[in-house]
Amino acid sequence: MADTDTETDAAADPAADADNQISDDDWAAAMEEQTAAEAAQEATADDDTSDDDWAAAMQEQAEADKVAADLAAAAGDGDSPYQAKPASQLFPDFGAEGGGAGGSAELDMILDIPVQITVELGRTKLSIRNLLQLAHGSVVELDGLAGEPMDVLVNGTLIAQGEVVVVNEKFGIRLTDIITPSERMRKLRH
């Protein structure tokens, strides 16, 4: 109960309350003093830091000059690890005659890599509205014509065309036209 009486007395006496409050002028003076102290401290730190930065930059430049000189000397000798070398020095020549058993072993390694073969009946474009209206039994018109050869793609690249056949109740494709590498390159350019 004594605590409540003290609070009531302080609230009732406005003169005591005014003595405890800090004026706006006091805050402004304190902020100016703090800003001046920080500015002086930064000025001292900047002088030390700028000297250190300058010394570090000069040392870095000297090291870069030394590395450049070492590389130039090594390039003149032909022993530089940074100098470009012909691919024939880095990779074996798979087309060279007399490759021996090593060449076929390397070729055998890639023969087991799986690829995806796709036979494409045709393509079309639909708006999202028409796509959402598709239901069971809907027919989608493709750009391929009936009786036209189907495209055979290996990993998405056209390599042949053929006609659809049925073998033992499963679909298959009889290749009728193989796309040569030169034809593929010509199609890519145009």
Protein backbone atom coordinates (compact mmCIF):
# COMPACT_ATOMS: atom_id res chain seq x y z
CA MET A 1 0.00 0.00 0.00
CA ALA A 2 2.97 2.31 0.58
CA ASP A 3 3.99 1.91 -3.06
CA THR A 4 0.64 3.19 -4.26
CA ASP A 5 0.85 6.27 -2.07
CA THR A 6 4.31 7.18 -3.47
CA GLU A 7 3.09 6.89 -7.07
CA THR A 8 0.05 9.00 -6.31
CA ASP A 9 2.19 11.70 -4.65
CA ALA A 10 4.58 11.88 -7.67
CA ALA A 11 1.70 12.06 -10.13
CA ALA A 12 0.01 14.76 -8.09
CA ASP A 13 3.16 16.96 -7.96
CA PRO A 14 3.86 18.40 -11.45
CA ALA A 15 6.95 20.30 -10.26
CA ALA A 16 8.69 17.05 -9.24
CA ASP A 17 7.75 15.50 -12.58
CA ALA A 18 9.25 18.42 -14.55
CA ASP A 19 12.57 18.06 -12.69
CA ASN A 20 12.84 14.40 -13.80
CA GLN A 21 12.10 15.06 -17.50
CA ILE A 22 14.86 15.78 -20.04
CA SER A 23 14.23 18.71 -22.37
CA ASP A 24 14.53 18.60 -26.18
CA ASP A 25 17.55 20.90 -25.97
CA ASP A 26 19.34 18.40 -23.74
CA TRP A 27 18.69 15.62 -26.31
CA ALA A 28 19.95 17.77 -29.16
CA ALA A 29 23.10 18.66 -27.27
CA ALA A 30 23.77 15.01 -26.43
CA MET A 31 23.28 13.94 -30.06
CA GLU A 32 25.68 16.67 -31.31
CA GLU A 33 28.28 15.58 -28.78
CA GLN A 34 27.96 11.93 -29.81
CA THR A 35 28.18 12.78 -33.53
CA ALA A 36 31.29 14.89 -32.99
CA ALA A 37 32.96 12.09 -31.00
CA GLU A 38 32.16 9.51 -33.72
CA ALA A 39 33.48 11.79 -36.48
CA ALA A 40 36.75 12.31 -34.63
CA GLN A 41 37.12 8.58 -34.08
CA GLU A 42 36.44 7.81 -37.78
CA ALA A 43 38.96 10.40 -38.94
CA THR A 44 41.68 8.76 -36.82
CA ALA A 45 40.70 5.27 -38.07
CA ASP A 46 40.61 6.45 -41.72
CA ASP A 47 44.19 7.75 -41.53
CA ASP A 48 45.44 4.38 -40.20
CA THR A 49 43.31 2.37 -42.63
CA SER A 50 44.32 4.38 -45.70
CA ASP A 51 48.01 3.81 -44.94
CA ASP A 52 47.39 0.06 -44.50
CA ASP A 53 45.28 -0.13 -47.68
CA TRP A 54 47.95 1.68 -49.68
CA ALA A 55 50.68 -0.68 -48.45
CA ALA A 56 48.54 -3.74 -49.19
CA ALA A 57 47.77 -2.49 -52.71
CA MET A 58 51.45 -1.90 -53.44
CA GLN A 59 52.35 -5.39 -52.19
CA GLU A 60 49.57 -6.95 -54.29
CA GLN A 61 50.81 -5.13 -57.40
CA ALA A 62 54.39 -6.33 -56.79
CA GLU A 63 53.17 -9.93 -56.47
CA ALA A 64 51.12 -9.64 -59.67
CA ASP A 65 54.15 -8.28 -61.54
CA LYS A 66 56.28 -11.20 -60.30
CA VAL A 67 53.68 -13.78 -61.40
CA ALA A 68 53.39 -12.12 -64.83
CA ALA A 69 57.18 -12.21 -65.25
CA ASP A 70 57.29 -15.91 -64.24
CA LEU A 71 54.54 -16.78 -66.73
CA ALA A 72 56.26 -14.88 -69.53
CA ALA A 73 59.54 -16.70 -68.82
CA ALA A 74 57.80 -20.10 -68.73
CA ALA A 75 55.92 -19.36 -71.98
CA GLY A 76 59.23 -18.58 -73.69
CA ASP A 77 60.55 -22.02 -72.66
CA GLY A 78 57.32 -23.82 -73.72
CA ASP A 79 56.98 -25.44 -70.29
CA SER A 80 54.11 -23.30 -68.95
CA PRO A 81 51.16 -25.18 -67.46
CA TYR A 82 49.03 -22.19 -68.55
CA GLN A 83 49.97 -22.43 -72.21
CA ALA A 84 47.37 -24.01 -74.53
CA LYS A 85 48.24 -27.45 -75.86
CA PRO A 86 46.83 -29.19 -78.93
CA ALA A 87 44.03 -31.66 -78.26
CA SER A 88 46.16 -34.44 -79.77
CA GLN A 89 48.45 -34.16 -76.73
CA LEU A 90 45.55 -34.35 -74.28
CA PHE A 91 43.19 -36.95 -75.79
CA PRO A 92 43.80 -40.21 -77.65
CA ASP A 93 43.01 -40.26 -81.38
CA PHE A 94 40.08 -42.67 -81.81
CA GLY A 95 40.32 -42.52 -85.59
CA ALA A 96 44.01 -43.49 -85.79
CA GLU A 97 44.85 -46.75 -87.48
CA GLY A 98 46.58 -49.34 -85.37
CA GLY A 99 44.68 -48.25 -82.28
CA GLY A 100 44.78 -51.89 -81.22
CA ALA A 101 42.66 -53.43 -78.50
CA GLY A 102 42.73 -50.23 -76.43
CA GLY A 103 40.59 -48.41 -79.02
CA SER A 104 37.89 -51.09 -79.13
CA ALA A 105 37.78 -51.29 -75.33
CA GLU A 106 37.15 -47.56 -75.19
CA LEU A 107 34.44 -47.88 -77.84
CA ASP A 108 32.86 -50.82 -76.00
CA MET A 109 32.53 -48.60 -72.96
CA ILE A 110 30.09 -46.25 -74.73
CA LEU A 111 28.14 -49.03 -76.47
CA ASP A 112 26.25 -49.84 -73.25
CA ILE A 113 24.99 -46.28 -72.69
CA PRO A 114 21.17 -46.32 -72.98
CA VAL A 115 19.40 -43.92 -75.34
CA GLN A 116 15.70 -43.12 -75.69
CA ILE A 117 14.05 -43.82 -79.04
CA THR A 118 10.77 -42.03 -79.76
CA VAL A 119 8.45 -42.47 -82.75
CA GLU A 120 6.42 -39.34 -83.38
CA LEU A 121 3.04 -39.55 -85.09
CA GLY A 122 2.64 -35.80 -85.38
CA ARG A 123 2.29 -32.57 -83.45
CA THR A 124 -0.32 -29.91 -82.82
CA LYS A 125 -0.84 -26.72 -80.85
CA LEU A 126 -3.82 -26.18 -78.58
CA SER A 127 -4.94 -23.24 -76.51
CA ILE A 128 -5.23 -23.88 -72.80
CA ARG A 129 -9.04 -23.48 -73.14
CA ASN A 130 -9.19 -26.31 -75.71
CA LEU A 131 -6.78 -28.42 -73.67
CA LEU A 132 -9.00 -28.13 -70.59
CA GLN A 133 -12.06 -29.17 -72.65
CA LEU A 134 -10.51 -32.53 -73.62
CA ALA A 135 -12.39 -35.50 -72.22
CA HIS A 136 -12.47 -39.27 -72.62
CA GLY A 137 -13.07 -40.01 -76.29
CA SER A 138 -11.90 -36.60 -77.57
CA VAL A 139 -9.97 -36.63 -80.84
CA VAL A 140 -6.90 -34.42 -81.19
CA GLU A 141 -5.97 -33.58 -84.78
CA LEU A 142 -2.23 -33.87 -85.54
CA ASP A 143 -0.27 -32.26 -88.36
CA GLY A 144 0.94 -35.63 -89.69
CA LEU A 145 -0.95 -37.11 -92.64
CA ALA A 146 -2.24 -40.70 -92.79
CA GLY A 147 0.29 -42.90 -94.55
CA GLU A 148 3.08 -40.35 -94.05
CA PRO A 149 6.36 -41.71 -92.62
CA MET A 150 6.77 -41.35 -88.84
CA ASP A 151 9.75 -39.50 -87.39
CA VAL A 152 12.21 -41.61 -85.36
CA LEU A 153 14.06 -39.58 -82.74
CA VAL A 154 17.01 -40.68 -80.60
CA ASN A 155 17.31 -38.56 -77.46
CA GLY A 156 15.17 -35.92 -79.20
CA THR A 157 17.24 -35.81 -82.42
CA LEU A 158 15.67 -36.90 -85.71
CA ILE A 159 17.72 -39.80 -87.11
CA ALA A 160 15.28 -41.66 -89.38
CA GLN A 161 11.77 -41.99 -90.75
CA GLY A 162 9.72 -45.13 -91.07
CA GLU A 163 6.32 -46.77 -91.28
CA VAL A 164 4.39 -48.37 -88.45
CA VAL A 165 4.13 -52.17 -88.44
CA VAL A 166 2.57 -54.69 -86.04
CA VAL A 167 4.75 -57.58 -84.87
CA ASN A 168 3.34 -60.17 -82.41
CA GLU A 169 0.53 -57.78 -81.42
CA LYS A 170 3.04 -55.00 -80.66
CA PHE A 171 3.74 -51.88 -82.66
CA GLY A 172 7.08 -51.47 -84.36
CA ILE A 173 8.61 -49.27 -87.03
CA ARG A 174 10.21 -50.25 -90.31
CA LEU A 175 12.91 -47.69 -91.14
CA THR A 176 12.52 -46.33 -94.65
CA ASP A 177 14.89 -43.35 -94.59
CA ILE A 178 18.00 -42.78 -92.46
CA ILE A 179 18.98 -39.15 -91.91
CA THR A 180 22.71 -38.73 -92.56
CA PRO A 181 24.81 -36.55 -90.28
CA SER A 182 25.31 -34.03 -93.11
CA GLU A 183 21.52 -33.77 -93.62
CA ARG A 184 21.06 -33.23 -89.86
CA MET A 185 23.64 -30.42 -89.90
CA ARG A 186 21.94 -28.84 -92.92
CA LYS A 187 18.56 -28.89 -91.12
CA LEU A 188 20.12 -27.29 -88.05
CA ARG A 189 21.56 -24.44 -90.12
CA HIS A 190 18.28 -23.63 -91.88
